[in-house]
Amino acid sequence: MAHGLRHTLGQLGWRDAALYWLARALAGASGGRWRLHRYRYIAQYVGATPLNGGRGRDIAIAPRADDAPTPANYPRPDAVVAARLAQGARSLEAWRHGRLAGFIWLIDGAYQEDEVRARFQLAAPESSWDFDVWVAPEQRLGMTFARLWEAVRLELRARGVHWTCSRISAFNPASLRAHAAIGVVPLGSALFLCCGRWQWMFASMAPRFHWSRTPSSWPVLTFDTRTLIAPTKEPS
């Protein structure tokens, strides 16, 4: 147990590790009715340099059709997928040897989060929102993540998008490392505490605090990439 605590502390740092352990304790004590989420918001520059050097060509990337059947190993409920499509989101999927290897979701303008009650809004039309990057466990040491991001880069760049924004769980060190490797700019952070129908948000950006107890009440967090400076050297 001590080794596990040290490992978590080493990966997350003392503040996020303490919140992670608190989140686990709350979920366990409440039977899952109490949830604590800490998010970091980031922006990635959509550059001209390919991200994977042409590797991973046995991984095919294709857009998900709205009426496509759900793959057997798809990790999201059909209701969540339907809600995302209804708000205009689209998905790119990675396939390897006929099996789903990963996916990423994209949306323009604004995104209604489905893990907590919140709306993430983009101030600049030259920006996009990406969310829910998933890679199958057996593919996480391969090129699936890089191939997905290369496909995203090509699509967004073709549409004149300069920055793509996303939120990452502060409790997911693997995702944090993967995004850091491709170069990101921090935009802020937020903490959500959900207790049944009640929700509290504490954020580093406006509105900073929000409390709600109904599904129709949520905070709106706005991200403006117009003041961000493109990197002088893009990641390779």
C-alpha atoms as a PDB file:
ATOM      1  CA  MET A   1       0.000   0.000   0.000  1.00  0.00           C
ATOM      2  CA  ALA A   2       2.817   2.404   0.887  1.00  0.00           C
ATOM      3  CA  HIS A   3       4.393   1.748  -2.511  1.00  0.00           C
ATOM      4  CA  GLY A   4       1.077   2.581  -4.225  1.00  0.00           C
ATOM      5  CA  LEU A   5       0.769   5.831  -2.299  1.00  0.00           C
ATOM      6  CA  ARG A   6       4.319   6.856  -3.205  1.00  0.00           C
ATOM      7  CA  HIS A   7       3.709   5.957  -6.857  1.00  0.00           C
ATOM      8  CA  THR A   8       0.548   8.081  -7.027  1.00  0.00           C
ATOM      9  CA  LEU A   9       2.288  10.956  -5.261  1.00  0.00           C
ATOM     10  CA  GLY A  10       5.212  10.765  -7.692  1.00  0.00           C
ATOM     11  CA  GLN A  11       2.921  10.815 -10.732  1.00  0.00           C
ATOM     12  CA  LEU A  12       0.430  13.479  -9.650  1.00  0.00           C
ATOM     13  CA  GLY A  13       2.178  15.683  -7.119  1.00  0.00           C
ATOM     14  CA  TRP A  14       0.935  16.168  -3.569  1.00  0.00           C
ATOM     15  CA  ARG A  15      -2.083  18.386  -4.331  1.00  0.00           C
ATOM     16  CA  ASP A  16      -3.622  16.275  -7.108  1.00  0.00           C
ATOM     17  CA  ALA A  17      -2.683  13.069  -5.288  1.00  0.00           C
ATOM     18  CA  ALA A  18      -4.554  14.249  -2.186  1.00  0.00           C
ATOM     19  CA  LEU A  19      -7.602  15.102  -4.296  1.00  0.00           C
ATOM     20  CA  TYR A  20      -7.374  11.743  -6.067  1.00  0.00           C
ATOM     21  CA  TRP A  21      -7.386   9.864  -2.753  1.00  0.00           C
ATOM     22  CA  LEU A  22     -10.265  12.051  -1.534  1.00  0.00           C
ATOM     23  CA  ALA A  23     -12.203  11.268  -4.728  1.00  0.00           C
ATOM     24  CA  ARG A  24     -11.731   7.550  -4.172  1.00  0.00           C
ATOM     25  CA  ALA A  25     -12.799   7.800  -0.535  1.00  0.00           C
ATOM     26  CA  LEU A  26     -15.928   9.786  -1.387  1.00  0.00           C
ATOM     27  CA  ALA A  27     -16.927   7.376  -4.157  1.00  0.00           C
ATOM     28  CA  GLY A  28     -16.382   4.367  -1.931  1.00  0.00           C
ATOM     29  CA  ALA A  29     -18.248   5.773   1.052  1.00  0.00           C
ATOM     30  CA  SER A  30     -21.231   6.907  -1.038  1.00  0.00           C
ATOM     31  CA  GLY A  31     -21.525   3.938  -3.355  1.00  0.00           C
ATOM     32  CA  GLY A  32     -20.593   6.160  -6.305  1.00  0.00           C
ATOM     33  CA  ARG A  33     -23.157   8.909  -5.582  1.00  0.00           C
ATOM     34  CA  TRP A  34     -20.431  11.386  -4.626  1.00  0.00           C
ATOM     35  CA  ARG A  35     -17.854  12.186  -7.284  1.00  0.00           C
ATOM     36  CA  LEU A  36     -14.925  14.569  -7.376  1.00  0.00           C
ATOM     37  CA  HIS A  37     -13.323  15.586 -10.671  1.00  0.00           C
ATOM     38  CA  ARG A  38     -10.341  17.847 -11.205  1.00  0.00           C
ATOM     39  CA  TYR A  39      -9.718  19.027 -14.763  1.00  0.00           C
ATOM     40  CA  ARG A  40      -6.909  20.821 -16.485  1.00  0.00           C
ATOM     41  CA  TYR A  41      -7.745  22.814 -19.612  1.00  0.00           C
ATOM     42  CA  ILE A  42      -5.172  23.029 -22.371  1.00  0.00           C
ATOM     43  CA  ALA A  43      -4.738  24.256 -25.931  1.00  0.00           C
ATOM     44  CA  GLN A  44      -2.638  22.649 -28.632  1.00  0.00           C
ATOM     45  CA  TYR A  45      -1.379  24.547 -31.663  1.00  0.00           C
ATOM     46  CA  VAL A  46      -2.465  23.072 -34.983  1.00  0.00           C
ATOM     47  CA  GLY A  47       0.819  23.247 -36.827  1.00  0.00           C
ATOM     48  CA  ALA A  48       2.207  22.307 -40.218  1.00  0.00           C
ATOM     49  CA  THR A  49       4.611  19.630 -38.972  1.00  0.00           C
ATOM     50  CA  PRO A  50       3.415  15.981 -39.047  1.00  0.00           C
ATOM     51  CA  LEU A  51       3.298  14.500 -35.550  1.00  0.00           C
ATOM     52  CA  ASN A  52       4.171  10.846 -36.150  1.00  0.00           C
ATOM     53  CA  GLY A  53       6.793  10.785 -38.904  1.00  0.00           C
ATOM     54  CA  GLY A  54       4.658   8.505 -41.080  1.00  0.00           C
ATOM     55  CA  ARG A  55       4.748   5.594 -38.627  1.00  0.00           C
ATOM     56  CA  GLY A  56       1.819   3.349 -37.761  1.00  0.00           C
ATOM     57  CA  ARG A  57       0.535   2.927 -41.301  1.00  0.00           C
ATOM     58  CA  ASP A  58      -1.236  -0.310 -40.340  1.00  0.00           C
ATOM     59  CA  ILE A  59      -3.632   1.848 -38.278  1.00  0.00           C
ATOM     60  CA  ALA A  60      -6.515   3.182 -40.376  1.00  0.00           C
ATOM     61  CA  ILE A  61      -8.241   6.413 -39.366  1.00  0.00           C
ATOM     62  CA  ALA A  62     -11.823   7.042 -40.456  1.00  0.00           C
ATOM     63  CA  PRO A  63     -14.671   9.347 -39.402  1.00  0.00           C
ATOM     64  CA  ARG A  64     -17.497   7.698 -37.499  1.00  0.00           C
ATOM     65  CA  ALA A  65     -20.755   7.679 -39.455  1.00  0.00           C
ATOM     66  CA  ASP A  66     -23.789   8.886 -37.487  1.00  0.00           C
ATOM     67  CA  ASP A  67     -25.630   5.641 -38.189  1.00  0.00           C
ATOM     68  CA  ALA A  68     -22.628   3.345 -37.715  1.00  0.00           C
ATOM     69  CA  PRO A  69     -23.164   0.303 -35.467  1.00  0.00           C
ATOM     70  CA  THR A  70     -21.368   0.482 -32.135  1.00  0.00           C
ATOM     71  CA  PRO A  71     -18.228  -1.729 -32.072  1.00  0.00           C
ATOM     72  CA  ALA A  72     -18.229  -4.530 -29.515  1.00  0.00           C
ATOM     73  CA  ASN A  73     -15.390  -2.968 -27.517  1.00  0.00           C
ATOM     74  CA  TYR A  74     -16.718   0.615 -27.606  1.00  0.00           C
ATOM     75  CA  PRO A  75     -16.352   1.962 -24.032  1.00  0.00           C
ATOM     76  CA  ARG A  76     -19.137   4.588 -24.081  1.00  0.00           C
ATOM     77  CA  PRO A  77     -22.912   3.987 -23.718  1.00  0.00           C
ATOM     78  CA  ASP A  78     -25.115   4.481 -26.787  1.00  0.00           C
ATOM     79  CA  ALA A  79     -26.997   7.275 -24.986  1.00  0.00           C
ATOM     80  CA  VAL A  80     -23.773   9.256 -24.518  1.00  0.00           C
ATOM     81  CA  VAL A  81     -22.823   8.814 -28.183  1.00  0.00           C
ATOM     82  CA  ALA A  82     -26.304   9.929 -29.284  1.00  0.00           C
ATOM     83  CA  ALA A  83     -26.148  13.036 -27.079  1.00  0.00           C
ATOM     84  CA  ARG A  84     -22.773  13.981 -28.543  1.00  0.00           C
ATOM     85  CA  LEU A  85     -23.983  13.578 -32.113  1.00  0.00           C
ATOM     86  CA  ALA A  86     -27.101  15.612 -31.303  1.00  0.00           C
ATOM     87  CA  GLN A  87     -24.980  18.628 -30.313  1.00  0.00           C
ATOM     88  CA  GLY A  88     -22.948  18.419 -33.526  1.00  0.00           C
ATOM     89  CA  ALA A  89     -19.882  16.508 -32.335  1.00  0.00           C
ATOM     90  CA  ARG A  90     -18.031  14.186 -34.700  1.00  0.00           C
ATOM     91  CA  SER A  91     -15.533  11.415 -34.075  1.00  0.00           C
ATOM     92  CA  LEU A  92     -12.441  10.029 -35.736  1.00  0.00           C
ATOM     93  CA  GLU A  93     -11.795   6.334 -35.104  1.00  0.00           C
ATOM     94  CA  ALA A  94      -8.577   4.317 -35.340  1.00  0.00           C
ATOM     95  CA  TRP A  95      -8.830   0.733 -36.576  1.00  0.00           C
ATOM     96  CA  ARG A  96      -6.106  -1.899 -36.510  1.00  0.00           C
ATOM     97  CA  HIS A  97      -6.521  -5.412 -37.874  1.00  0.00           C
ATOM     98  CA  GLY A  98     -10.288  -4.945 -38.065  1.00  0.00           C
ATOM     99  CA  ARG A  99     -10.667  -3.944 -34.404  1.00  0.00           C
ATOM    100  CA  LEU A 100     -11.311  -0.543 -32.869  1.00  0.00           C
ATOM    101  CA  ALA A 101      -7.987   0.750 -31.523  1.00  0.00           C
ATOM    102  CA  GLY A 102      -9.024   4.219 -30.397  1.00  0.00           C
ATOM    103  CA  PHE A 103     -11.066   7.342 -31.049  1.00  0.00           C
ATOM    104  CA  ILE A 104     -11.254  11.072 -30.474  1.00  0.00           C
ATOM    105  CA  TRP A 105     -14.245  13.427 -30.502  1.00  0.00           C
ATOM    106  CA  LEU A 106     -14.279  16.954 -31.969  1.00  0.00           C
ATOM    107  CA  ILE A 107     -16.768  19.825 -31.859  1.00  0.00           C
ATOM    108  CA  ASP A 108     -16.812  23.481 -32.876  1.00  0.00           C
ATOM    109  CA  GLY A 109     -18.196  26.430 -30.932  1.00  0.00           C
ATOM    110  CA  ALA A 110     -19.190  24.858 -27.617  1.00  0.00           C
ATOM    111  CA  TYR A 111     -19.358  21.495 -25.911  1.00  0.00           C
ATOM    112  CA  GLN A 112     -21.799  20.316 -23.255  1.00  0.00           C
ATOM    113  CA  GLU A 113     -19.725  18.088 -20.966  1.00  0.00           C
ATOM    114  CA  ASP A 114     -21.273  14.700 -20.168  1.00  0.00           C
ATOM    115  CA  GLU A 115     -19.178  13.775 -17.109  1.00  0.00           C
ATOM    116  CA  VAL A 116     -20.246  16.820 -15.078  1.00  0.00           C
ATOM    117  CA  ARG A 117     -22.763  19.619 -15.654  1.00  0.00           C
ATOM    118  CA  ALA A 118     -20.743  22.237 -17.529  1.00  0.00           C
ATOM    119  CA  ARG A 119     -20.562  23.945 -20.901  1.00  0.00           C
ATOM    120  CA  PHE A 120     -17.218  24.761 -22.490  1.00  0.00           C
ATOM    121  CA  GLN A 121     -17.398  27.624 -24.964  1.00  0.00           C
ATOM    122  CA  LEU A 122     -14.849  28.837 -27.515  1.00  0.00           C
ATOM    123  CA  ALA A 123     -14.494  32.576 -28.146  1.00  0.00           C
ATOM    124  CA  ALA A 124     -12.600  32.348 -31.446  1.00  0.00           C
ATOM    125  CA  PRO A 125     -13.939  30.708 -34.625  1.00  0.00           C
ATOM    126  CA  GLU A 126     -10.382  29.636 -35.471  1.00  0.00           C
ATOM    127  CA  SER A 127     -10.413  27.230 -32.528  1.00  0.00           C
ATOM    128  CA  SER A 128     -11.977  23.820 -31.956  1.00  0.00           C
ATOM    129  CA  TRP A 129     -12.667  21.542 -29.017  1.00  0.00           C
ATOM    130  CA  ASP A 130     -11.441  17.960 -28.751  1.00  0.00           C
ATOM    131  CA  PHE A 131     -12.524  15.570 -26.035  1.00  0.00           C
ATOM    132  CA  ASP A 132     -12.627  11.959 -24.915  1.00  0.00           C
ATOM    133  CA  VAL A 133      -9.433  10.638 -26.466  1.00  0.00           C
ATOM    134  CA  TRP A 134      -9.503   6.873 -25.907  1.00  0.00           C
ATOM    135  CA  VAL A 135      -6.961   4.218 -26.888  1.00  0.00           C
ATOM    136  CA  ALA A 136      -7.555   0.508 -26.334  1.00  0.00           C
ATOM    137  CA  PRO A 137      -5.358  -0.817 -23.486  1.00  0.00           C
ATOM    138  CA  GLU A 138      -3.465  -3.210 -25.749  1.00  0.00           C
ATOM    139  CA  GLN A 139      -2.630  -0.330 -28.150  1.00  0.00           C
ATOM    140  CA  ARG A 140      -1.374   2.251 -25.649  1.00  0.00           C
ATOM    141  CA  LEU A 141       2.302   1.536 -26.221  1.00  0.00           C
ATOM    142  CA  GLY A 142       1.915   1.796 -29.996  1.00  0.00           C
ATOM    143  CA  MET A 143       1.205   4.555 -32.506  1.00  0.00           C
ATOM    144  CA  THR A 144      -2.568   4.836 -32.137  1.00  0.00           C
ATOM    145  CA  PHE A 145      -2.502   8.061 -30.116  1.00  0.00           C
ATOM    146  CA  ALA A 146      -0.073   9.727 -32.537  1.00  0.00           C
ATOM    147  CA  ARG A 147      -2.035   8.571 -35.583  1.00  0.00           C
ATOM    148  CA  LEU A 148      -5.270   9.980 -34.166  1.00  0.00           C
ATOM    149  CA  TRP A 149      -3.675  13.335 -33.452  1.00  0.00           C
ATOM    150  CA  GLU A 150      -2.113  13.467 -36.900  1.00  0.00           C
ATOM    151  CA  ALA A 151      -5.566  12.927 -38.441  1.00  0.00           C
ATOM    152  CA  VAL A 152      -6.976  15.680 -36.212  1.00  0.00           C
ATOM    153  CA  ARG A 153      -4.144  18.015 -37.222  1.00  0.00           C
ATOM    154  CA  LEU A 154      -4.827  17.481 -40.930  1.00  0.00           C
ATOM    155  CA  GLU A 155      -8.583  17.990 -40.596  1.00  0.00           C
ATOM    156  CA  LEU A 156      -8.403  21.099 -38.432  1.00  0.00           C
ATOM    157  CA  ARG A 157      -5.625  22.704 -40.442  1.00  0.00           C
ATOM    158  CA  ALA A 158      -7.632  22.192 -43.653  1.00  0.00           C
ATOM    159  CA  ARG A 159     -10.510  24.122 -42.026  1.00  0.00           C
ATOM    160  CA  GLY A 160      -8.330  27.021 -40.893  1.00  0.00           C
ATOM    161  CA  VAL A 161      -8.342  26.078 -37.193  1.00  0.00           C
ATOM    162  CA  HIS A 162      -5.247  27.344 -35.351  1.00  0.00           C
ATOM    163  CA  TRP A 163      -5.802  25.894 -31.855  1.00  0.00           C
ATOM    164  CA  THR A 164      -7.656  22.921 -30.434  1.00  0.00           C
ATOM    165  CA  CYS A 165      -8.700  23.017 -26.775  1.00  0.00           C
ATOM    166  CA  SER A 166      -9.481  20.161 -24.414  1.00  0.00           C
ATOM    167  CA  ARG A 167      -9.894  19.183 -20.804  1.00  0.00           C
ATOM    168  CA  ILE A 168      -7.833  16.431 -19.201  1.00  0.00           C
ATOM    169  CA  SER A 169      -8.407  14.728 -15.884  1.00  0.00           C
ATOM    170  CA  ALA A 170      -5.704  15.754 -13.431  1.00  0.00           C
ATOM    171  CA  PHE A 171      -5.971  12.192 -12.101  1.00  0.00           C
ATOM    172  CA  ASN A 172      -4.813  10.681 -15.429  1.00  0.00           C
ATOM    173  CA  PRO A 173      -1.006  10.978 -15.558  1.00  0.00           C
ATOM    174  CA  ALA A 174      -0.735   8.925 -18.769  1.00  0.00           C
ATOM    175  CA  SER A 175      -2.959  11.367 -20.643  1.00  0.00           C
ATOM    176  CA  LEU A 176      -1.125  14.348 -19.175  1.00  0.00           C
ATOM    177  CA  ARG A 177       2.218  12.935 -20.327  1.00  0.00           C
ATOM    178  CA  ALA A 178       0.914  12.105 -23.792  1.00  0.00           C
ATOM    179  CA  HIS A 179      -0.425  15.609 -24.328  1.00  0.00           C
ATOM    180  CA  ALA A 180       2.725  17.221 -22.940  1.00  0.00           C
ATOM    181  CA  ALA A 181       4.761  15.248 -25.482  1.00  0.00           C
ATOM    182  CA  ILE A 182       2.926  16.885 -28.388  1.00  0.00           C
ATOM    183  CA  GLY A 183       3.111  20.370 -26.894  1.00  0.00           C
ATOM    184  CA  VAL A 184       0.292  22.177 -25.073  1.00  0.00           C
ATOM    185  CA  VAL A 185      -0.455  25.553 -23.478  1.00  0.00           C
ATOM    186  CA  PRO A 186      -2.267  25.566 -20.088  1.00  0.00           C
ATOM    187  CA  LEU A 187      -5.581  27.464 -19.995  1.00  0.00           C
ATOM    188  CA  GLY A 188      -6.720  26.862 -16.412  1.00  0.00           C
ATOM    189  CA  SER A 189      -8.230  24.249 -14.124  1.00  0.00           C
ATOM    190  CA  ALA A 190     -11.470  23.403 -12.339  1.00  0.00           C
ATOM    191  CA  LEU A 191     -12.670  21.190  -9.513  1.00  0.00           C
ATOM    192  CA  PHE A 192     -16.171  19.670  -9.566  1.00  0.00           C
ATOM    193  CA  LEU A 193     -17.793  18.043  -6.548  1.00  0.00           C
ATOM    194  CA  CYS A 194     -20.972  16.120  -7.379  1.00  0.00           C
ATOM    195  CA  CYS A 195     -23.168  14.821  -4.540  1.00  0.00           C
ATOM    196  CA  GLY A 196     -26.261  13.219  -6.017  1.00  0.00           C
ATOM    197  CA  ARG A 197     -28.075  16.017  -7.865  1.00  0.00           C
ATOM    198  CA  TRP A 198     -25.971  18.749  -6.189  1.00  0.00           C
ATOM    199  CA  GLN A 199     -22.856  20.089  -7.876  1.00  0.00           C
ATOM    200  CA  TRP A 200     -20.211  22.620  -6.839  1.00  0.00           C
ATOM    201  CA  MET A 201     -17.541  23.997  -9.175  1.00  0.00           C
ATOM    202  CA  PHE A 202     -14.384  25.886  -8.230  1.00  0.00           C
ATOM    203  CA  ALA A 203     -12.368  27.140 -11.242  1.00  0.00           C
ATOM    204  CA  SER A 204      -9.340  29.267 -11.973  1.00  0.00           C
ATOM    205  CA  MET A 205     -11.318  31.231 -14.596  1.00  0.00           C
ATOM    206  CA  ALA A 206     -14.720  32.975 -14.648  1.00  0.00           C
ATOM    207  CA  PRO A 207     -17.195  32.340 -13.152  1.00  0.00           C
ATOM    208  CA  ARG A 208     -14.767  30.734 -10.652  1.00  0.00           C
ATOM    209  CA  PHE A 209     -17.577  29.358  -8.474  1.00  0.00           C
ATOM    210  CA  HIS A 210     -20.869  27.770  -9.436  1.00  0.00           C
ATOM    211  CA  TRP A 211     -23.452  25.800  -7.468  1.00  0.00           C
ATOM    212  CA  SER A 212     -26.391  23.918  -8.918  1.00  0.00           C
ATOM    213  CA  ARG A 213     -28.877  21.220  -8.009  1.00  0.00           C
ATOM    214  CA  THR A 214     -30.851  20.720 -11.250  1.00  0.00           C
ATOM    215  CA  PRO A 215     -29.864  19.294 -14.660  1.00  0.00           C
ATOM    216  CA  SER A 216     -30.788  22.612 -16.294  1.00  0.00           C
ATOM    217  CA  SER A 217     -28.187  24.602 -14.332  1.00  0.00           C
ATOM    218  CA  TRP A 218     -24.521  24.579 -15.279  1.00  0.00           C
ATOM    219  CA  PRO A 219     -21.504  26.913 -15.448  1.00  0.00           C
ATOM    220  CA  VAL A 220     -20.255  28.227 -18.793  1.00  0.00           C
ATOM    221  CA  LEU A 221     -16.460  28.361 -19.077  1.00  0.00           C
ATOM    222  CA  THR A 222     -15.147  30.388 -22.014  1.00  0.00           C
ATOM    223  CA  PHE A 223     -11.746  29.784 -23.590  1.00  0.00           C
ATOM    224  CA  ASP A 224     -10.172  32.427 -25.816  1.00  0.00           C
ATOM    225  CA  THR A 225      -7.156  31.372 -27.882  1.00  0.00           C
ATOM    226  CA  ARG A 226      -6.713  34.670 -29.726  1.00  0.00           C
ATOM    227  CA  THR A 227      -3.998  35.856 -27.340  1.00  0.00           C
ATOM    228  CA  LEU A 228      -2.011  32.600 -27.439  1.00  0.00           C
ATOM    229  CA  ILE A 229       1.363  32.624 -29.152  1.00  0.00           C
ATOM    230  CA  ALA A 230       2.163  29.857 -31.618  1.00  0.00           C
ATOM    231  CA  PRO A 231       5.334  27.887 -30.763  1.00  0.00           C
ATOM    232  CA  THR A 232       8.430  28.944 -32.660  1.00  0.00           C
ATOM    233  CA  LYS A 233       9.438  25.271 -32.913  1.00  0.00           C
ATOM    234  CA  GLU A 234       6.760  22.646 -33.363  1.00  0.00           C
ATOM    235  CA  PRO A 235       7.041  19.191 -31.735  1.00  0.00           C
ATOM    236  CA  SER A 236       8.238  16.443 -34.057  1.00  0.00           C
END
